[in-house]
Amino acid sequence: MTGGSIVSFAGKTIVVTGAASGIGRATAEAFARAGGHVILADLSAENGENAARELRDGGHKATYVHLDVASDQSVAEFARAALGLGEIH
C-alpha cells in the first residue's frame, strides 16, 4: 500500500511464511484486514494455529498450514495443502 490508499485483496488467497510471529504475523494481519484469505505458514503449529484463530475470531479468513522451509518434503506437503484451498495469488 502506498500513498495511504487501501488495496483490496478480497477474493484473493495469500501465503505468508513465518506468519506465527513478528513481521510475518504483521504481514498476515495486514492482508487479512485488506480482505484476503491468508494462509499462515509456519514451523510452530501451536503459534500458527493461535494466530489463524485470532484472525478468524476477528472476522477474517485465515488458515494455518505447517511449513518447514528447510525440508523439501514439508514444502511439497505445504504446496499440496495450500493449493487444495484454492488459487494462490
C-alpha atoms as a PDB file:
ATOM      1  CA  MET A   1       0.000   0.000   0.000  1.00  0.00           C
ATOM      2  CA  THR A   2       1.391   3.343  -0.969  1.00  0.00           C
ATOM      3  CA  GLY A   3       0.290   6.925  -0.511  1.00  0.00           C
ATOM      4  CA  GLY A   4      -2.289   5.952   2.087  1.00  0.00           C
ATOM      5  CA  SER A   5      -4.516   4.218  -0.468  1.00  0.00           C
ATOM      6  CA  ILE A   6      -6.185   0.989   0.564  1.00  0.00           C
ATOM      7  CA  VAL A   7      -5.662  -2.064  -1.600  1.00  0.00           C
ATOM      8  CA  SER A   8      -8.310  -4.766  -1.537  1.00  0.00           C
ATOM      9  CA  PHE A   9      -7.345  -8.417  -1.509  1.00  0.00           C
ATOM     10  CA  ALA A  10     -10.965  -9.590  -1.388  1.00  0.00           C
ATOM     11  CA  GLY A  11     -11.307 -12.884  -3.232  1.00  0.00           C
ATOM     12  CA  LYS A  12      -7.555 -13.488  -3.129  1.00  0.00           C
ATOM     13  CA  THR A  13      -5.637 -16.160  -1.237  1.00  0.00           C
ATOM     14  CA  ILE A  14      -2.254 -15.096   0.077  1.00  0.00           C
ATOM     15  CA  VAL A  15       0.527 -17.253   1.566  1.00  0.00           C
ATOM     16  CA  VAL A  16       2.629 -15.666   4.307  1.00  0.00           C
ATOM     17  CA  THR A  17       5.639 -17.615   5.595  1.00  0.00           C
ATOM     18  CA  GLY A  18       6.844 -17.131   9.142  1.00  0.00           C
ATOM     19  CA  ALA A  19       3.289 -15.992   9.878  1.00  0.00           C
ATOM     20  CA  ALA A  20       3.067 -17.092  13.512  1.00  0.00           C
ATOM     21  CA  SER A  21       5.075 -14.175  14.893  1.00  0.00           C
ATOM     22  CA  GLY A  22       6.915 -10.950  14.187  1.00  0.00           C
ATOM     23  CA  ILE A  23       6.950  -9.411  10.729  1.00  0.00           C
ATOM     24  CA  GLY A  24       5.269 -12.477   9.215  1.00  0.00           C
ATOM     25  CA  ARG A  25       2.339 -12.193  11.592  1.00  0.00           C
ATOM     26  CA  ALA A  26       2.019  -8.449  10.997  1.00  0.00           C
ATOM     27  CA  THR A  27       2.019  -9.131   7.251  1.00  0.00           C
ATOM     28  CA  ALA A  28      -0.661 -11.810   7.617  1.00  0.00           C
ATOM     29  CA  GLU A  29      -2.786  -9.416   9.677  1.00  0.00           C
ATOM     30  CA  ALA A  30      -2.435  -6.676   7.051  1.00  0.00           C
ATOM     31  CA  PHE A  31      -3.510  -8.984   4.213  1.00  0.00           C
ATOM     32  CA  ALA A  32      -6.428 -10.234   6.322  1.00  0.00           C
ATOM     33  CA  ARG A  33      -7.555  -6.661   7.063  1.00  0.00           C
ATOM     34  CA  ALA A  34      -7.384  -5.995   3.317  1.00  0.00           C
ATOM     35  CA  GLY A  35      -9.925  -8.787   2.780  1.00  0.00           C
ATOM     36  CA  GLY A  36      -7.710 -11.658   1.683  1.00  0.00           C
ATOM     37  CA  HIS A  37      -7.863 -15.285   2.768  1.00  0.00           C
ATOM     38  CA  VAL A  38      -4.489 -15.668   4.436  1.00  0.00           C
ATOM     39  CA  ILE A  39      -2.681 -18.986   4.629  1.00  0.00           C
ATOM     40  CA  LEU A  40      -0.366 -18.683   7.606  1.00  0.00           C
ATOM     41  CA  ALA A  41       2.677 -20.890   7.017  1.00  0.00           C
ATOM     42  CA  ASP A  42       4.970 -21.557   9.949  1.00  0.00           C
ATOM     43  CA  LEU A  43       7.057 -24.200  11.697  1.00  0.00           C
ATOM     44  CA  SER A  44       5.243 -23.701  15.019  1.00  0.00           C
ATOM     45  CA  ALA A  45       1.850 -25.413  14.840  1.00  0.00           C
ATOM     46  CA  GLU A  46       0.748 -24.020  18.212  1.00  0.00           C
ATOM     47  CA  ASN A  47       1.612 -20.411  17.372  1.00  0.00           C
ATOM     48  CA  GLY A  48       0.366 -20.718  13.795  1.00  0.00           C
ATOM     49  CA  GLU A  49      -2.993 -22.164  14.862  1.00  0.00           C
ATOM     50  CA  ASN A  50      -3.335 -19.446  17.509  1.00  0.00           C
ATOM     51  CA  ALA A  51      -2.582 -16.671  15.032  1.00  0.00           C
ATOM     52  CA  ALA A  52      -5.052 -18.068  12.485  1.00  0.00           C
ATOM     53  CA  ARG A  53      -7.732 -18.477  15.159  1.00  0.00           C
ATOM     54  CA  GLU A  54      -7.262 -14.886  16.340  1.00  0.00           C
ATOM     55  CA  LEU A  55      -7.688 -13.639  12.773  1.00  0.00           C
ATOM     56  CA  ARG A  56     -10.816 -15.775  12.314  1.00  0.00           C
ATOM     57  CA  ASP A  57     -12.178 -14.531  15.651  1.00  0.00           C
ATOM     58  CA  GLY A  58     -11.726 -11.018  14.242  1.00  0.00           C
ATOM     59  CA  GLY A  59     -13.905 -11.901  11.263  1.00  0.00           C
ATOM     60  CA  HIS A  60     -11.099 -12.617   8.800  1.00  0.00           C
ATOM     61  CA  LYS A  61     -10.418 -15.659   6.625  1.00  0.00           C
ATOM     62  CA  ALA A  62      -7.271 -17.416   7.841  1.00  0.00           C
ATOM     63  CA  THR A  63      -5.887 -20.936   7.703  1.00  0.00           C
ATOM     64  CA  TYR A  64      -2.738 -22.322   9.302  1.00  0.00           C
ATOM     65  CA  VAL A  65      -0.688 -24.838   7.310  1.00  0.00           C
ATOM     66  CA  HIS A  66       2.536 -26.299   8.730  1.00  0.00           C
ATOM     67  CA  LEU A  67       5.711 -25.429   6.821  1.00  0.00           C
ATOM     68  CA  ASP A  68       9.385 -26.132   7.489  1.00  0.00           C
ATOM     69  CA  VAL A  69      11.206 -24.305   4.690  1.00  0.00           C
ATOM     70  CA  ALA A  70      14.356 -26.333   5.411  1.00  0.00           C
ATOM     71  CA  SER A  71      12.578 -29.552   4.418  1.00  0.00           C
ATOM     72  CA  ASP A  72      11.806 -30.376   0.777  1.00  0.00           C
ATOM     73  CA  GLN A  73       9.158 -32.848   1.937  1.00  0.00           C
ATOM     74  CA  SER A  74       7.481 -30.208   4.117  1.00  0.00           C
ATOM     75  CA  VAL A  75       7.500 -27.696   1.253  1.00  0.00           C
ATOM     76  CA  ALA A  76       5.885 -30.270  -1.071  1.00  0.00           C
ATOM     77  CA  GLU A  77       3.247 -31.150   1.537  1.00  0.00           C
ATOM     78  CA  PHE A  78       2.585 -27.459   2.147  1.00  0.00           C
ATOM     79  CA  ALA A  79       2.157 -26.809  -1.575  1.00  0.00           C
ATOM     80  CA  ARG A  80      -0.381 -29.635  -1.901  1.00  0.00           C
ATOM     81  CA  ALA A  81      -2.318 -28.428   1.146  1.00  0.00           C
ATOM     82  CA  ALA A  82      -2.253 -24.760   0.158  1.00  0.00           C
ATOM     83  CA  LEU A  83      -3.249 -25.401  -3.456  1.00  0.00           C
ATOM     84  CA  GLY A  84      -6.096 -27.548  -2.143  1.00  0.00           C
ATOM     85  CA  LEU A  85      -7.507 -24.400  -0.526  1.00  0.00           C
ATOM     86  CA  GLY A  86      -7.841 -22.592  -3.861  1.00  0.00           C
ATOM     87  CA  GLU A  87      -5.889 -20.433  -6.256  1.00  0.00           C
ATOM     88  CA  ILE A  88      -2.919 -18.672  -4.658  1.00  0.00           C
ATOM     89  CA  HIS A  89      -2.227 -15.027  -5.532  1.00  0.00           C
END
